Amino acid sequence: MDALLQRLETRIRKLVERCEQLEGDNADLRQYTESLAREKDALLTKNRLAVSQIEGMISHLESRSTS
């Protein structure tokens, strides 16, 4: 009976350790996901600005070619 309890205790201890590890991994992944979302937003903003500038240059060139 003592051997059975010791095996059970060992398994429970391992499960607790694994849960703690998974919680840490999950927190790391959440931070990484948030970081990627912020980077994506920054890149989308830069892309919109670049598109706007290119459209402005095209408009400027078109107006020069028609005059």
C-alpha atoms as a PDB file:
ATOM      1  CA  MET A   1       0.000   0.000   0.000  1.00  0.00           C
ATOM      2  CA  ASP A   2       2.845   2.394   0.820  1.00  0.00           C
ATOM      3  CA  ALA A   3       4.451   1.727  -2.564  1.00  0.00           C
ATOM      4  CA  LEU A   4       1.159   2.490  -4.294  1.00  0.00           C
ATOM      5  CA  LEU A   5       0.796   5.765  -2.391  1.00  0.00           C
ATOM      6  CA  GLN A   6       4.379   6.729  -3.202  1.00  0.00           C
ATOM      7  CA  ARG A   7       3.815   6.065  -6.917  1.00  0.00           C
ATOM      8  CA  LEU A   8       0.608   8.068  -6.797  1.00  0.00           C
ATOM      9  CA  GLU A   9       2.355  10.913  -4.978  1.00  0.00           C
ATOM     10  CA  THR A  10       5.152  10.866  -7.565  1.00  0.00           C
ATOM     11  CA  ARG A  11       2.674  10.992 -10.426  1.00  0.00           C
ATOM     12  CA  ILE A  12       0.745  13.832  -8.792  1.00  0.00           C
ATOM     13  CA  ARG A  13       3.972  15.764  -8.210  1.00  0.00           C
ATOM     14  CA  LYS A  14       4.916  15.299 -11.891  1.00  0.00           C
ATOM     15  CA  LEU A  15       1.467  16.438 -12.979  1.00  0.00           C
ATOM     16  CA  VAL A  16       1.725  19.564 -10.828  1.00  0.00           C
ATOM     17  CA  GLU A  17       5.177  20.317 -12.282  1.00  0.00           C
ATOM     18  CA  ARG A  18       3.844  19.815 -15.811  1.00  0.00           C
ATOM     19  CA  CYS A  19       0.877  22.098 -15.123  1.00  0.00           C
ATOM     20  CA  GLU A  20       3.203  24.796 -13.822  1.00  0.00           C
ATOM     21  CA  GLN A  21       5.403  24.427 -16.891  1.00  0.00           C
ATOM     22  CA  LEU A  22       2.386  24.654 -19.200  1.00  0.00           C
ATOM     23  CA  GLU A  23       1.109  27.737 -17.384  1.00  0.00           C
ATOM     24  CA  GLY A  24       4.494  29.390 -17.894  1.00  0.00           C
ATOM     25  CA  ASP A  25       4.582  28.370 -21.556  1.00  0.00           C
ATOM     26  CA  ASN A  26       1.051  29.683 -22.003  1.00  0.00           C
ATOM     27  CA  ALA A  27       1.979  33.048 -20.451  1.00  0.00           C
ATOM     28  CA  ASP A  28       5.018  33.260 -22.745  1.00  0.00           C
ATOM     29  CA  LEU A  29       2.875  32.476 -25.786  1.00  0.00           C
ATOM     30  CA  ARG A  30       0.323  35.107 -24.807  1.00  0.00           C
ATOM     31  CA  GLN A  31       3.061  37.731 -24.535  1.00  0.00           C
ATOM     32  CA  TYR A  32       4.498  36.649 -27.872  1.00  0.00           C
ATOM     33  CA  THR A  33       1.045  36.808 -29.501  1.00  0.00           C
ATOM     34  CA  GLU A  34       0.475  40.309 -28.118  1.00  0.00           C
ATOM     35  CA  SER A  35       3.899  41.362 -29.392  1.00  0.00           C
ATOM     36  CA  LEU A  36       3.099  40.014 -32.850  1.00  0.00           C
ATOM     37  CA  ALA A  37      -0.254  41.816 -32.856  1.00  0.00           C
ATOM     38  CA  ARG A  38       1.469  45.120 -32.004  1.00  0.00           C
ATOM     39  CA  GLU A  39       4.065  44.522 -34.714  1.00  0.00           C
ATOM     40  CA  LYS A  40       1.311  43.716 -37.214  1.00  0.00           C
ATOM     41  CA  ASP A  41      -0.520  46.955 -36.350  1.00  0.00           C
ATOM     42  CA  ALA A  42       2.685  48.971 -36.778  1.00  0.00           C
ATOM     43  CA  LEU A  43       3.372  47.334 -40.152  1.00  0.00           C
ATOM     44  CA  LEU A  44      -0.189  47.947 -41.337  1.00  0.00           C
ATOM     45  CA  THR A  45       0.138  51.607 -40.363  1.00  0.00           C
ATOM     46  CA  LYS A  46       3.430  51.895 -42.267  1.00  0.00           C
ATOM     47  CA  ASN A  47       1.856  50.137 -45.259  1.00  0.00           C
ATOM     48  CA  ARG A  48      -1.120  52.524 -45.312  1.00  0.00           C
ATOM     49  CA  LEU A  49       1.249  55.488 -45.148  1.00  0.00           C
ATOM     50  CA  ALA A  50       3.352  54.098 -48.003  1.00  0.00           C
ATOM     51  CA  VAL A  51       0.250  53.451 -50.129  1.00  0.00           C
ATOM     52  CA  SER A  52      -0.963  56.979 -49.461  1.00  0.00           C
ATOM     53  CA  GLN A  53       2.405  58.469 -50.422  1.00  0.00           C
ATOM     54  CA  ILE A  54       2.591  56.393 -53.612  1.00  0.00           C
ATOM     55  CA  GLU A  55      -0.947  57.383 -54.569  1.00  0.00           C
ATOM     56  CA  GLY A  56       0.021  61.014 -53.987  1.00  0.00           C
ATOM     57  CA  MET A  57       3.075  60.656 -56.231  1.00  0.00           C
ATOM     58  CA  ILE A  58       0.994  58.989 -58.935  1.00  0.00           C
ATOM     59  CA  SER A  59      -1.579  61.770 -58.774  1.00  0.00           C
ATOM     60  CA  HIS A  60       1.174  64.364 -58.940  1.00  0.00           C
ATOM     61  CA  LEU A  61       2.766  62.650 -61.964  1.00  0.00           C
ATOM     62  CA  GLU A  62      -0.610  62.293 -63.698  1.00  0.00           C
ATOM     63  CA  SER A  63      -1.384  65.983 -63.167  1.00  0.00           C
ATOM     64  CA  ARG A  64       2.014  66.961 -64.588  1.00  0.00           C
ATOM     65  CA  SER A  65       1.563  64.766 -67.650  1.00  0.00           C
ATOM     66  CA  THR A  66      -1.857  66.264 -68.502  1.00  0.00           C
ATOM     67  CA  SER A  67      -0.726  69.866 -68.240  1.00  0.00           C
END
